[in-house]
Amino acid sequence: MVIPCELEKGNGNGPGERRPEQVGLDGLVARAKALSPHQMVITGALGAGKSSIAILLVLGLLKGREPGSGESVPVIFSLSDWNPEANFWDWVIRRVSEDYEQRVKGLDPYMVKSLVQNRRIVPVLDGFDELLPLAREDAAKALNLLFDTGETLVLTSRPEAYQGAVEKVPLLRGVPVLRVLPVPPEAGRTYLAQLCDQEHLGSWQPVFETMESDPEGPVAQALSSPLMLGLAATVYTPKEADPRELLDAKRLPTRADIEGHLLDGVIPAVCAQGPRPSYLPGSVRRWRPAKAPAYCRFLAIELHRRRTHTIAWWQLRSLLTEPGVWGAVVTVAAAVCGTAASYAFAGLAALLGASPPRPGLGTAGVGQALGAVASVAIITTVFGRVLTRHLFTGFDDRPRRPAGGISGPLLLAASALTTAAIGVSLPGSTSASLCVFVLPLLSGVLLTRSSESDLAARPAQLLDGERRIALVESMVVAPAIAGTSLAFFHWLYSDPLLIVGGLVIAWSCSAAVLMALSRWGRWNATRLILAA
């Protein structure tokens, strides 16, 4: 499809400064290369195809690039991930490292830094309008500095957001603007006719006739953007789907109604087509059409609640997995399970003939004592986990990444073993009691490092790292907490069976709390709640 647009030099409003024209991909690339310096702002309404044009521009520039020529490489960045208060080029280095380090052999942060410093990377910044309104002014000032110094740069935005930035930072007015125009009815007709099944073409004919006979009507206006044209082609791909329903003026009287209808229909249509082809990257999974709208609704609510266009896995949470609520749920659930396990073990110990730790102490008393051991372990673990969360959290609640190596886990294991030994050998020891509260904090120091370090950390790596950290803590920190908790009730040492029971119950409760309160545990809990 050709791109209807007008190129405006200097962002002025003079009558001779705008030249409406139909631009193909080759023409777009040629115009970008002809600009000196190579700077351009692409504006257009919602769904006009700004991001698609940016992608096509990058592909066109790469297509004409000779290997080994030393030409700069255009790279697309989503501006919604940028904090304008941070250095722009530092952000570019981090994004390239995180997004491409695993895909490009030999690419490391030091090479990325060298490429950026030598201006071998051309930023194509997509979504200026996706920044929060309060952040746009700071972003406009930073971008103005880049444009003013002649940096090669491409920016996409909705016109109203960019115009607001121009009013506050007048120097941006010197940057050429490519305005994406609505798709003409004849171009939309050609596009849909090419994509639809030829046997299905007859049902499209009334829609085409309405688009051409009434170009200002709701159908033609709704199908004047690449986004809606693509949605229409997807929604009416199945043979049983009838595009003539778009002409129902009673059901869909306005442009907004038609657009909402297409948006509502795209998820069931895509899910009904089956799983993705196996040649596409990533896991292939068939989503149930009945469940997919609920998943998308959940994501939309989270995005709206956070007032952002991007979200990371560690930010996803349901009402039940909000930090404060989830902490209370985990604590109560662990206490209930620990108490039930304590009474069950006390009954089993009585059946096996275990000697009571104190004269006259029956099965119920032993169960209460073991439950108290579990409670001490749970309270200690929750306290340590809360402190760890507040002290070891990165920007935007980003989790820390594994420290790497074996020295940290070994040192933590030695500290945990020492703490447990003191607690068991010296019942009620104050030093052991203090150490057991410090162990979760020590695990944060020894097992993690900042995710904003000079080494890239992709979201999948952070998730895997959180899982490994939670498992190490459950195997190292939890036993030490269990041993010290049991030491507070040293009179249970009268029978080995009770010692083993107390340790197992306290260890299980502490490990469950550590894992459930980790970001990995909360992420999995959110997924389970959403899937229910």
Protein backbone atom coordinates (compact mmCIF):
# COMPACT_ATOMS: atom_id res chain seq x y z
CA MET A 1 0.00 0.00 0.00
CA VAL A 2 1.29 3.47 -0.86
CA ILE A 3 1.55 5.95 2.01
CA PRO A 4 -0.64 9.06 1.68
CA CYS A 5 1.30 11.88 3.30
CA GLU A 6 2.50 15.44 3.06
CA LEU A 7 6.02 16.57 3.78
CA GLU A 8 6.25 19.87 5.59
CA LYS A 9 9.60 21.57 5.97
CA GLY A 10 10.21 23.63 9.03
CA ASN A 11 6.92 22.75 10.70
CA GLY A 12 5.42 25.96 9.43
CA ASN A 13 1.92 26.80 8.46
CA GLY A 14 2.53 28.60 5.19
CA PRO A 15 0.47 27.52 2.20
CA GLY A 16 3.50 26.66 0.08
CA GLU A 17 5.26 24.54 2.66
CA ARG A 18 3.03 21.44 2.42
CA ARG A 19 3.13 19.07 -0.53
CA PRO A 20 0.49 16.30 -0.37
CA GLU A 21 1.64 13.21 -2.28
CA GLN A 22 1.44 9.43 -2.38
CA VAL A 23 4.73 7.95 -1.21
CA GLY A 24 5.82 4.33 -1.62
CA LEU A 25 8.51 2.68 0.45
CA ASP A 26 11.30 3.58 -1.98
CA GLY A 27 10.12 7.16 -2.06
CA LEU A 28 10.03 7.37 1.71
CA VAL A 29 13.60 6.07 2.00
CA ALA A 30 14.77 8.46 -0.72
CA ARG A 31 13.24 11.44 1.07
CA ALA A 32 14.79 10.43 4.38
CA LYS A 33 18.23 10.14 2.78
CA ALA A 34 17.82 13.48 0.99
CA LEU A 35 17.32 15.37 4.25
CA SER A 36 20.39 17.08 5.67
CA PRO A 37 20.83 16.50 8.51
CA HIS A 38 18.94 13.20 8.42
CA GLN A 39 16.17 14.24 10.77
CA MET A 40 12.43 13.65 10.46
CA VAL A 41 9.29 13.66 12.58
CA ILE A 42 6.45 11.36 11.47
CA THR A 43 3.03 12.41 12.77
CA GLY A 44 -0.37 10.87 12.31
CA ALA A 45 -3.62 10.09 14.11
CA LEU A 46 -4.28 6.95 16.13
CA GLY A 47 -3.92 3.92 13.87
CA ALA A 48 -2.55 5.99 10.97
CA GLY A 49 0.44 3.66 10.65
CA LYS A 50 3.23 5.74 12.19
CA SER A 51 4.95 2.74 13.80
CA SER A 52 4.54 0.68 10.62
CA ILE A 53 6.06 3.47 8.56
CA ALA A 54 8.96 3.67 10.99
CA ILE A 55 9.52 -0.09 10.64
CA LEU A 56 9.31 0.10 6.83
CA LEU A 57 11.73 3.03 6.84
CA VAL A 58 14.23 1.05 8.92
CA LEU A 59 13.89 -1.99 6.66
CA GLY A 60 14.32 0.19 3.57
CA LEU A 61 17.44 1.85 4.96
CA LEU A 62 18.90 -1.52 5.93
CA LYS A 63 18.09 -2.95 2.51
CA GLY A 64 20.21 -0.32 0.80
CA ARG A 65 23.08 -0.63 3.25
CA GLU A 66 26.20 -2.39 1.98
CA PRO A 67 27.81 -4.85 4.47
CA GLY A 68 31.05 -3.46 5.80
CA SER A 69 30.27 0.01 4.44
CA GLY A 70 30.54 1.62 7.85
CA GLU A 71 27.10 3.23 7.50
CA SER A 72 25.08 3.77 10.65
CA VAL A 73 22.41 1.22 11.54
CA PRO A 74 18.84 2.45 12.26
CA VAL A 75 17.33 0.91 15.41
CA ILE A 76 13.75 1.35 16.64
CA PHE A 77 13.19 2.32 20.28
CA SER A 78 9.91 2.67 22.14
CA LEU A 79 9.93 6.04 23.88
CA SER A 80 7.42 4.87 26.48
CA ASP A 81 10.32 3.08 28.17
CA TRP A 82 12.42 6.25 28.44
CA ASN A 83 12.70 8.31 31.59
CA PRO A 84 13.50 11.82 30.25
CA GLU A 85 15.36 12.66 33.44
CA ALA A 86 17.97 10.03 32.55
CA ASN A 87 20.69 10.55 29.96
CA PHE A 88 19.33 9.74 26.52
CA TRP A 89 22.42 7.95 25.19
CA ASP A 90 22.79 5.90 28.38
CA TRP A 91 19.21 4.75 27.84
CA VAL A 92 19.97 3.85 24.21
CA ILE A 93 22.98 1.79 25.33
CA ARG A 94 20.89 -0.08 27.90
CA ARG A 95 18.05 -0.76 25.48
CA VAL A 96 20.32 -2.07 22.71
CA SER A 97 22.18 -4.26 25.21
CA GLU A 98 19.01 -5.73 26.71
CA ASP A 99 17.18 -6.24 23.41
CA TYR A 100 19.97 -7.50 21.16
CA GLU A 101 22.78 -8.91 23.30
CA GLN A 102 21.34 -12.42 23.14
CA ARG A 103 20.54 -12.18 19.43
CA VAL A 104 23.78 -10.78 18.01
CA LYS A 105 26.90 -12.84 18.51
CA GLY A 106 29.75 -10.90 20.08
CA LEU A 107 27.58 -7.93 21.05
CA ASP A 108 28.29 -6.83 24.61
CA PRO A 109 27.65 -3.58 26.53
CA TYR A 110 31.13 -2.30 25.84
CA MET A 111 30.72 -2.74 22.07
CA VAL A 112 27.28 -1.13 22.22
CA LYS A 113 28.76 1.83 24.08
CA SER A 114 31.44 2.19 21.42
CA LEU A 115 28.84 2.03 18.61
CA VAL A 116 26.70 4.70 20.27
CA GLN A 117 29.63 7.01 21.03
CA ASN A 118 30.79 6.78 17.40
CA ARG A 119 27.22 7.44 16.21
CA ARG A 120 26.99 4.13 14.39
CA ILE A 121 23.42 3.68 15.68
CA VAL A 122 20.59 5.87 14.38
CA PRO A 123 17.74 6.08 16.92
CA VAL A 124 14.24 5.76 15.44
CA LEU A 125 12.10 6.88 18.37
CA ASP A 126 8.56 5.55 18.26
CA GLY A 127 5.72 6.94 20.36
CA PHE A 128 6.51 10.41 21.70
CA ASP A 129 2.80 10.68 22.48
CA GLU A 130 3.02 7.57 24.69
CA LEU A 131 5.06 9.49 27.27
CA LEU A 132 3.09 10.84 30.20
CA PRO A 133 2.04 14.49 29.60
CA LEU A 134 4.20 15.70 32.49
CA ALA A 135 7.24 13.96 30.99
CA ARG A 136 6.80 15.29 27.45
CA GLU A 137 8.22 18.75 28.21
CA ASP A 138 11.44 17.28 29.63
CA ALA A 139 11.57 14.86 26.71
CA ALA A 140 11.06 17.69 24.21
CA LYS A 141 13.96 19.63 25.72
CA ALA A 142 16.23 16.59 25.54
CA LEU A 143 15.18 15.83 21.96
CA ASN A 144 15.62 19.47 20.99
CA LEU A 145 19.25 19.27 22.12
CA LEU A 146 19.75 16.20 19.92
CA PHE A 147 18.09 17.86 16.91
CA ASP A 148 19.98 21.11 17.48
CA THR A 149 23.37 19.35 17.47
CA GLY A 150 22.59 17.68 14.14
CA GLU A 151 22.14 14.14 15.44
CA THR A 152 20.57 11.72 12.95
CA LEU A 153 17.16 11.01 14.40
CA VAL A 154 13.61 9.93 13.47
CA LEU A 155 10.65 10.53 15.79
CA THR A 156 7.01 9.41 15.59
CA SER A 157 4.11 11.03 17.45
CA ARG A 158 0.45 11.93 17.28
CA PRO A 159 0.17 15.49 15.94
CA GLU A 160 -1.43 17.04 19.03
CA ALA A 161 1.32 15.73 21.35
CA TYR A 162 4.09 16.92 19.04
CA GLN A 163 2.42 20.29 18.49
CA GLY A 164 2.26 20.78 22.25
CA ALA A 165 5.99 20.06 22.46
CA VAL A 166 6.70 22.54 19.63
CA GLU A 167 4.80 25.27 21.46
CA LYS A 168 6.92 24.77 24.57
CA VAL A 169 10.23 24.19 22.74
CA PRO A 170 10.10 26.43 19.63
CA LEU A 171 13.44 25.22 18.26
CA LEU A 172 11.75 21.95 17.25
CA ARG A 173 9.96 23.89 14.52
CA GLY A 174 12.97 23.53 12.24
CA VAL A 175 12.61 19.76 11.93
CA PRO A 176 10.88 18.42 8.75
CA VAL A 177 7.53 16.75 9.49
CA LEU A 178 6.02 13.91 7.47
CA ARG A 179 2.29 13.97 8.11
CA VAL A 180 0.52 10.65 7.50
CA LEU A 181 -2.87 11.27 5.89
CA PRO A 182 -6.03 9.10 5.92
CA VAL A 183 -6.11 6.25 3.43
CA PRO A 184 -8.31 7.14 0.41
CA PRO A 185 -11.35 4.86 -0.18
CA GLU A 186 -9.93 3.49 -3.44
CA ALA A 187 -6.65 2.54 -1.76
CA GLY A 188 -8.52 0.89 1.11
CA ARG A 189 -10.67 -1.03 -1.34
CA THR A 190 -7.62 -2.31 -3.21
CA TYR A 191 -5.96 -3.37 0.03
CA LEU A 192 -8.99 -5.30 1.32
CA ALA A 193 -9.63 -6.91 -2.05
CA GLN A 194 -6.06 -8.24 -2.11
CA LEU A 195 -6.25 -9.69 1.41
CA CYS A 196 -9.69 -11.25 1.44
CA ASP A 197 -10.53 -14.66 0.02
CA GLN A 198 -11.63 -14.27 -3.60
CA GLU A 199 -14.66 -16.47 -2.91
CA HIS A 200 -15.53 -14.01 -0.15
CA LEU A 201 -15.12 -10.95 -2.37
CA GLY A 202 -18.82 -10.70 -3.20
CA SER A 203 -19.78 -9.97 0.41
CA TRP A 204 -17.26 -7.09 0.43
CA GLN A 205 -18.72 -5.44 -2.67
CA PRO A 206 -21.50 -3.48 -0.88
CA VAL A 207 -18.89 -2.20 1.60
CA PHE A 208 -16.64 -1.04 -1.23
CA GLU A 209 -19.51 0.73 -2.97
CA THR A 210 -20.49 2.52 0.24
CA MET A 211 -16.88 3.65 0.83
CA GLU A 212 -16.66 5.18 -2.64
CA SER A 213 -20.15 6.68 -2.80
CA ASP A 214 -20.01 8.21 0.69
CA PRO A 215 -16.34 9.02 1.51
CA GLU A 216 -17.41 11.17 4.47
CA GLY A 217 -19.67 8.47 5.91
CA PRO A 218 -18.91 6.38 9.01
CA VAL A 219 -17.80 3.28 7.08
CA ALA A 220 -15.33 5.12 4.84
CA GLN A 221 -14.03 7.17 7.76
CA ALA A 222 -13.58 4.12 9.99
CA LEU A 223 -11.71 2.28 7.22
CA SER A 224 -9.43 5.25 6.46
CA SER A 225 -6.58 4.11 8.73
CA PRO A 226 -4.19 1.19 8.20
CA LEU A 227 -5.03 -0.11 11.67
CA MET A 228 -8.75 -0.43 10.98
CA LEU A 229 -8.15 -1.83 7.49
CA GLY A 230 -5.93 -4.50 9.00
CA LEU A 231 -8.49 -5.28 11.70
CA ALA A 232 -11.28 -5.53 9.15
CA ALA A 233 -9.24 -7.95 7.02
CA THR A 234 -8.54 -10.08 10.12
CA VAL A 235 -12.05 -10.05 11.58
CA TYR A 236 -13.70 -11.03 8.31
CA THR A 237 -11.18 -13.67 7.24
CA PRO A 238 -13.44 -16.59 8.32
CA LYS A 239 -15.93 -17.49 5.61
CA GLU A 240 -18.84 -17.34 8.05
CA ALA A 241 -18.02 -13.70 8.91
CA ASP A 242 -20.02 -11.18 6.86
CA PRO A 243 -18.48 -7.70 6.39
CA ARG A 244 -21.87 -6.34 5.27
CA GLU A 245 -22.77 -6.01 8.95
CA LEU A 246 -20.60 -2.87 8.92
CA LEU A 247 -23.40 -1.24 6.91
CA ASP A 248 -26.00 -1.75 9.66
CA ALA A 249 -26.73 1.87 10.54
CA LYS A 250 -28.92 0.95 13.49
CA ARG A 251 -26.31 -1.23 15.16
CA LEU A 252 -23.22 0.72 14.03
CA PRO A 253 -24.33 4.31 13.38
CA THR A 254 -21.00 6.12 13.91
CA ARG A 255 -17.33 5.75 13.10
CA ALA A 256 -16.56 5.07 16.76
CA ASP A 257 -19.14 2.25 16.83
CA ILE A 258 -17.58 0.58 13.77
CA GLU A 259 -14.06 0.89 15.19
CA GLY A 260 -15.21 -0.55 18.53
CA HIS A 261 -16.91 -3.42 16.71
CA LEU A 262 -13.70 -4.27 14.84
CA LEU A 263 -11.63 -4.08 18.02
CA ASP A 264 -14.08 -6.38 19.82
CA GLY A 265 -13.93 -8.92 17.02
CA VAL A 266 -10.21 -9.16 16.42
CA ILE A 267 -9.32 -11.32 19.46
CA PRO A 268 -11.89 -14.08 18.80
CA ALA A 269 -10.95 -14.03 15.10
CA VAL A 270 -7.23 -14.40 15.77
CA CYS A 271 -7.71 -17.12 18.39
CA ALA A 272 -10.01 -19.08 16.06
CA GLN A 273 -7.24 -19.22 13.46
CA GLY A 274 -5.25 -21.60 15.69
CA PRO A 275 -1.71 -21.38 17.05
CA ARG A 276 1.07 -19.40 15.45
CA PRO A 277 3.10 -21.13 12.76
CA SER A 278 5.99 -23.16 14.16
CA TYR A 279 8.57 -21.17 12.20
CA LEU A 280 7.87 -18.02 14.24
CA PRO A 281 10.13 -17.44 17.28
CA GLY A 282 8.87 -18.24 20.77
CA SER A 283 6.62 -20.94 22.11
CA VAL A 284 3.54 -21.89 20.10
CA ARG A 285 0.38 -21.95 22.21
CA ARG A 286 -3.30 -22.08 21.33
CA TRP A 287 -5.28 -19.60 23.37
CA ARG A 288 -8.92 -20.33 24.07
CA PRO A 289 -11.07 -17.60 22.47
CA ALA A 290 -13.32 -17.54 25.54
CA LYS A 291 -10.38 -16.73 27.82
CA ALA A 292 -8.37 -14.38 25.59
CA PRO A 293 -10.67 -11.33 26.08
CA ALA A 294 -10.32 -11.68 29.86
CA TYR A 295 -6.53 -11.75 29.57
CA CYS A 296 -6.49 -8.68 27.33
CA ARG A 297 -8.97 -6.90 29.62
CA PHE A 298 -6.71 -7.59 32.58
CA LEU A 299 -3.70 -6.13 30.75
CA ALA A 300 -5.71 -3.09 29.63
CA ILE A 301 -6.86 -2.40 33.19
CA GLU A 302 -3.28 -2.65 34.44
CA LEU A 303 -2.04 -0.26 31.74
CA HIS A 304 -4.82 2.20 32.51
CA ARG A 305 -4.22 1.97 36.25
CA ARG A 306 -0.52 2.69 35.78
CA ARG A 307 -1.19 5.36 33.13
CA THR A 308 1.40 3.90 30.81
CA HIS A 309 1.65 2.04 27.50
CA THR A 310 4.20 -0.54 28.60
CA ILE A 311 4.28 -2.95 31.52
CA ALA A 312 6.74 -5.55 32.80
CA TRP A 313 6.02 -8.94 34.33
CA TRP A 314 7.00 -7.81 37.84
CA GLN A 315 4.36 -5.04 37.68
CA LEU A 316 1.46 -7.37 36.85
CA ARG A 317 -0.79 -8.06 39.81
CA SER A 318 -4.38 -8.82 40.56
CA LEU A 319 -6.38 -7.43 43.46
CA LEU A 320 -5.28 -10.43 45.53
CA THR A 321 -1.57 -10.14 44.68
CA GLU A 322 -1.15 -6.46 45.53
CA PRO A 323 1.94 -6.33 47.82
CA GLY A 324 0.10 -5.54 51.06
CA VAL A 325 -2.82 -7.88 50.39
CA TRP A 326 -0.61 -10.68 49.11
CA GLY A 327 1.64 -10.48 52.17
CA ALA A 328 -1.36 -10.89 54.48
CA VAL A 329 -2.77 -13.75 52.37
CA VAL A 330 0.54 -15.63 52.36
CA THR A 331 1.06 -15.12 56.10
CA VAL A 332 -2.42 -16.35 57.02
CA ALA A 333 -2.26 -19.28 54.59
CA ALA A 334 1.16 -20.35 55.89
CA ALA A 335 -0.04 -20.06 59.50
CA VAL A 336 -3.15 -22.17 58.81
CA CYS A 337 -1.17 -24.82 56.94
CA GLY A 338 1.57 -24.82 59.59
CA THR A 339 -0.93 -25.24 62.41
CA ALA A 340 -2.76 -28.05 60.59
CA ALA A 341 0.53 -29.82 59.87
CA SER A 342 1.61 -29.41 63.52
CA TYR A 343 -1.52 -31.06 64.92
CA ALA A 344 -1.37 -33.80 62.29
CA PHE A 345 2.27 -34.55 63.14
CA ALA A 346 1.51 -34.49 66.87
CA GLY A 347 -1.15 -37.14 66.33
CA LEU A 348 1.26 -39.22 64.22
CA ALA A 349 3.97 -38.92 66.88
CA ALA A 350 1.54 -40.14 69.55
CA LEU A 351 0.66 -43.17 67.41
CA LEU A 352 4.37 -43.93 66.94
CA GLY A 353 4.92 -43.81 70.70
CA ALA A 354 6.95 -40.60 70.93
CA SER A 355 7.63 -39.59 74.52
CA PRO A 356 5.90 -36.34 75.58
CA PRO A 357 8.36 -33.44 76.09
CA ARG A 358 6.74 -32.56 79.43
CA PRO A 359 4.71 -34.62 81.89
CA GLY A 360 1.01 -34.35 81.27
CA LEU A 361 1.47 -32.67 77.89
CA GLY A 362 -0.93 -34.43 75.55
CA THR A 363 -1.25 -34.52 71.79
CA ALA A 364 -2.98 -31.15 71.68
CA GLY A 365 -0.19 -29.55 73.70
CA VAL A 366 2.49 -30.98 71.39
CA GLY A 367 0.50 -29.69 68.40
CA GLN A 368 0.36 -26.23 69.95
CA ALA A 369 4.09 -26.24 70.58
CA LEU A 370 4.92 -27.30 67.02
CA GLY A 371 2.46 -24.68 65.74
CA ALA A 372 4.29 -22.05 67.79
CA VAL A 373 7.58 -23.11 66.17
CA ALA A 374 6.00 -22.70 62.74
CA SER A 375 4.59 -19.28 63.72
CA VAL A 376 8.01 -18.00 64.83
CA ALA A 377 9.51 -19.19 61.53
CA ILE A 378 6.73 -17.50 59.52
CA ILE A 379 6.95 -14.17 61.36
CA THR A 380 10.73 -14.10 61.04
CA THR A 381 10.60 -14.88 57.34
CA VAL A 382 7.91 -12.28 56.58
CA PHE A 383 9.83 -9.60 58.47
CA GLY A 384 13.05 -10.37 56.63
CA ARG A 385 11.30 -10.50 53.25
CA VAL A 386 9.62 -7.12 53.78
CA LEU A 387 12.94 -5.50 54.62
CA THR A 388 14.60 -7.17 51.65
CA ARG A 389 11.93 -5.83 49.30
CA HIS A 390 12.41 -2.25 50.45
CA LEU A 391 16.22 -2.35 50.41
CA PHE A 392 16.82 -4.35 47.22
CA THR A 393 14.47 -2.95 44.61
CA GLY A 394 15.51 -1.28 41.38
CA PHE A 395 13.98 1.54 39.33
CA ASP A 396 10.26 1.10 38.64
CA ASP A 397 10.18 -1.83 41.08
CA ARG A 398 12.55 -3.73 38.79
CA PRO A 399 13.89 -6.84 40.57
CA ARG A 400 17.58 -7.32 41.14
CA ARG A 401 19.39 -9.87 39.04
CA PRO A 402 21.46 -12.87 40.28
CA ALA A 403 24.98 -11.98 41.30
CA GLY A 404 26.48 -14.96 39.46
CA GLY A 405 29.22 -17.25 40.66
CA ILE A 406 29.19 -19.65 43.57
CA SER A 407 30.90 -17.59 46.26
CA GLY A 408 27.68 -15.77 47.27
CA PRO A 409 25.59 -18.92 47.83
CA LEU A 410 28.48 -20.60 49.67
CA LEU A 411 28.97 -17.64 52.01
CA LEU A 412 25.23 -17.47 52.63
CA ALA A 413 25.14 -21.21 53.34
CA ALA A 414 28.02 -20.83 55.81
CA SER A 415 26.24 -17.96 57.57
CA ALA A 416 22.99 -19.92 57.72
CA LEU A 417 24.75 -23.01 59.07
CA THR A 418 26.51 -20.97 61.75
CA THR A 419 23.25 -19.30 62.77
CA ALA A 420 21.41 -22.62 62.96
CA ALA A 421 24.25 -24.19 64.95
CA ILE A 422 24.25 -21.36 67.49
CA GLY A 423 20.49 -21.49 67.81
CA VAL A 424 20.39 -25.27 68.36
CA SER A 425 23.41 -25.54 70.66
CA LEU A 426 22.56 -22.44 72.71
CA PRO A 427 18.76 -22.44 73.03
CA GLY A 428 17.32 -18.96 73.23
CA SER A 429 20.59 -17.36 72.11
CA THR A 430 20.13 -13.64 71.42
CA SER A 431 22.87 -13.62 68.77
CA ALA A 432 21.17 -16.40 66.82
CA SER A 433 17.83 -14.63 67.11
CA LEU A 434 19.31 -11.46 65.63
CA CYS A 435 21.20 -13.36 62.92
CA VAL A 436 18.10 -15.15 61.73
CA PHE A 437 16.44 -11.79 61.02
CA VAL A 438 19.55 -10.65 59.12
CA LEU A 439 19.74 -13.76 56.91
CA PRO A 440 17.10 -12.61 54.38
CA LEU A 441 18.91 -9.28 54.10
CA LEU A 442 22.24 -11.04 53.71
CA SER A 443 20.77 -13.10 50.89
CA GLY A 444 19.94 -9.85 49.07
CA VAL A 445 23.55 -8.70 49.37
CA LEU A 446 25.19 -11.99 48.42
CA LEU A 447 22.79 -13.35 45.80
CA THR A 448 21.79 -10.26 43.83
CA ARG A 449 23.12 -7.18 42.14
CA SER A 450 21.43 -4.13 40.68
CA SER A 451 19.60 -4.69 37.40
CA GLU A 452 20.72 -1.19 36.37
CA SER A 453 24.35 -2.30 36.31
CA ASP A 454 26.49 -2.10 33.16
CA LEU A 455 25.43 -5.63 32.17
CA ALA A 456 22.16 -6.09 30.33
CA ALA A 457 19.28 -7.82 32.07
CA ARG A 458 16.34 -8.84 29.90
CA PRO A 459 12.94 -9.39 31.56
CA ALA A 460 13.12 -13.15 30.96
CA GLN A 461 16.54 -13.22 32.62
CA LEU A 462 15.21 -11.30 35.62
CA LEU A 463 12.31 -13.76 35.95
CA ASP A 464 14.65 -16.74 35.81
CA GLY A 465 16.97 -15.04 38.27
CA GLU A 466 14.13 -14.41 40.72
CA ARG A 467 13.19 -18.08 40.51
CA ARG A 468 16.75 -19.23 41.21
CA ILE A 469 17.17 -16.78 44.10
CA ALA A 470 13.89 -17.96 45.66
CA LEU A 471 14.97 -21.61 45.37
CA VAL A 472 18.40 -20.93 46.91
CA GLU A 473 16.82 -19.04 49.79
CA SER A 474 14.32 -21.85 50.43
CA MET A 475 17.18 -24.36 50.57
CA VAL A 476 19.66 -22.25 52.57
CA VAL A 477 17.91 -19.50 54.54
CA ALA A 478 14.73 -21.41 55.44
CA PRO A 479 16.53 -24.30 57.26
CA ALA A 480 18.49 -21.81 59.38
CA ILE A 481 15.28 -19.98 60.30
CA ALA A 482 13.66 -23.33 61.13
CA GLY A 483 16.55 -24.42 63.36
CA THR A 484 16.64 -21.15 65.30
CA SER A 485 12.85 -21.09 65.64
CA LEU A 486 12.91 -24.59 67.12
CA ALA A 487 15.60 -23.48 69.58
CA PHE A 488 13.08 -21.18 71.27
CA PHE A 489 11.22 -24.35 72.30
CA HIS A 490 14.28 -26.40 73.30
CA TRP A 491 12.20 -28.51 75.66
CA LEU A 492 10.94 -30.32 72.52
CA TYR A 493 14.42 -31.90 72.25
CA SER A 494 13.24 -34.77 74.46
CA ASP A 495 12.38 -36.92 71.44
CA PRO A 496 14.18 -37.02 68.07
CA LEU A 497 10.88 -37.46 66.29
CA LEU A 498 9.60 -34.14 67.62
CA ILE A 499 12.86 -32.42 66.61
CA VAL A 500 12.54 -33.71 63.08
CA GLY A 501 8.86 -32.75 62.93
CA GLY A 502 9.51 -29.23 64.21
CA LEU A 503 12.36 -28.69 61.74
CA VAL A 504 10.41 -30.01 58.76
CA ILE A 505 7.28 -28.00 59.53
CA ALA A 506 9.18 -24.77 60.24
CA TRP A 507 11.42 -25.27 57.18
CA SER A 508 8.41 -25.88 54.93
CA CYS A 509 6.56 -22.82 56.22
CA SER A 510 9.59 -20.55 55.89
CA ALA A 511 10.43 -21.85 52.40
CA ALA A 512 6.83 -21.42 51.25
CA VAL A 513 6.73 -17.82 52.51
CA LEU A 514 10.08 -16.98 50.91
CA MET A 515 8.99 -18.34 47.56
CA ALA A 516 5.44 -16.92 47.66
CA LEU A 517 6.60 -13.42 48.61
CA SER A 518 9.28 -13.32 45.93
CA ARG A 519 8.42 -11.54 42.70
CA TRP A 520 8.59 -14.90 40.94
CA GLY A 521 6.03 -16.33 43.38
CA ARG A 522 3.71 -13.35 43.06
CA TRP A 523 3.98 -13.51 39.25
CA ASN A 524 2.94 -17.16 39.22
CA ALA A 525 0.12 -16.49 41.68
CA THR A 526 -1.17 -13.71 39.41
CA ARG A 527 -1.09 -16.07 36.42
CA LEU A 528 -2.99 -18.76 38.33
CA ILE A 529 -5.64 -16.29 39.50
CA LEU A 530 -6.07 -14.95 35.99
CA ALA A 531 -6.32 -18.46 34.52
CA ALA A 532 -8.94 -19.56 37.07
